[in-house]
Protein backbone atom coordinates (compact mmCIF):
# COMPACT_ATOMS: atom_id res chain seq x y z
CA MET A 1 -11.02 -0.66 16.39
CA SER A 2 -7.88 1.49 15.84
CA ASP A 3 -6.00 2.89 18.17
CA LEU A 4 -5.66 6.79 17.56
CA ASN A 5 -2.50 7.93 16.01
CA THR A 6 -0.93 11.11 17.81
CA LYS A 7 2.53 10.76 16.14
CA PRO A 8 3.53 13.02 13.25
CA ASN A 9 1.60 11.28 10.12
CA ILE A 10 0.91 14.32 7.60
CA ASP A 11 2.96 14.29 4.48
CA GLY A 12 4.19 17.99 3.96
CA VAL A 13 3.02 19.13 7.32
CA ASP A 14 4.50 22.49 7.13
CA ASP A 15 2.63 23.05 3.76
CA PHE A 16 -0.50 21.78 5.54
CA TYR A 17 -0.49 24.17 8.53
CA ALA A 18 0.31 27.21 6.03
CA GLU A 19 -2.84 25.98 3.93
CA LEU A 20 -4.77 25.81 7.36
CA LEU A 21 -3.65 29.43 8.19
CA ALA A 22 -4.45 30.63 4.78
CA ALA A 23 -7.92 29.27 4.89
CA HIS A 24 -8.61 31.41 7.98
CA GLU A 25 -6.88 34.53 6.83
CA GLY A 26 -9.54 37.42 6.70
CA LEU A 27 -12.10 35.66 8.78
CA SER A 28 -13.76 36.80 11.57
CA LYS A 29 -13.46 34.97 14.77
CA GLU A 30 -17.16 33.48 14.45
CA GLN A 31 -16.12 32.55 10.69
CA SER A 32 -13.09 31.11 11.68
CA ASP A 33 -14.60 28.91 14.46
CA GLY A 34 -17.40 27.96 11.66
CA LEU A 35 -14.50 26.85 9.34
CA ASN A 36 -12.85 24.77 12.22
CA ALA A 37 -16.17 23.00 13.20
CA ARG A 38 -16.94 22.19 9.42
CA LEU A 39 -13.28 20.83 9.18
CA VAL A 40 -13.68 18.72 12.22
CA LEU A 41 -16.96 17.35 11.36
CA ILE A 42 -15.68 16.60 7.82
CA LEU A 43 -12.44 14.85 9.15
CA ALA A 44 -14.72 12.95 11.90
CA ASN A 45 -16.75 11.49 9.18
CA HIS A 46 -13.73 10.29 7.00
CA ILE A 47 -12.55 8.68 10.12
CA GLY A 48 -15.67 7.31 10.63
CA GLU A 49 -14.63 4.90 13.81
CA ARG A 50 -16.76 6.11 16.81
CA ALA A 51 -14.00 4.50 19.18
CA THR A 52 -11.25 6.69 17.70
CA LEU A 53 -13.28 9.64 17.72
CA SER A 54 -13.84 9.37 21.30
CA GLN A 55 -10.11 8.85 21.72
CA ALA A 56 -9.57 12.05 19.88
CA LEU A 57 -11.88 14.03 21.62
CA ALA A 58 -10.19 12.90 25.12
CA ALA A 59 -7.03 13.50 24.02
CA ALA A 60 -7.92 17.05 22.71
CA ALA A 61 -9.62 17.96 25.80
CA GLN A 62 -6.52 17.06 27.99
CA THR A 63 -4.36 19.63 25.84
CA LYS A 64 -4.55 22.91 27.47
CA GLU A 65 -3.24 25.89 25.87
């Protein structure tokens, strides 16, 4: 089992963030929510480790906007 890595770990993080924002451009709230849900499920499938996914869910639930 892997521990969840919450430290910066993305090459070209600013470019990825810009790409993520661009993917949402022009979408309705419902379409944007759908895109986010599909992205989460695709990345969760790629990670594949249930324990890591549970850690990620717990970490995301603790972060309040």
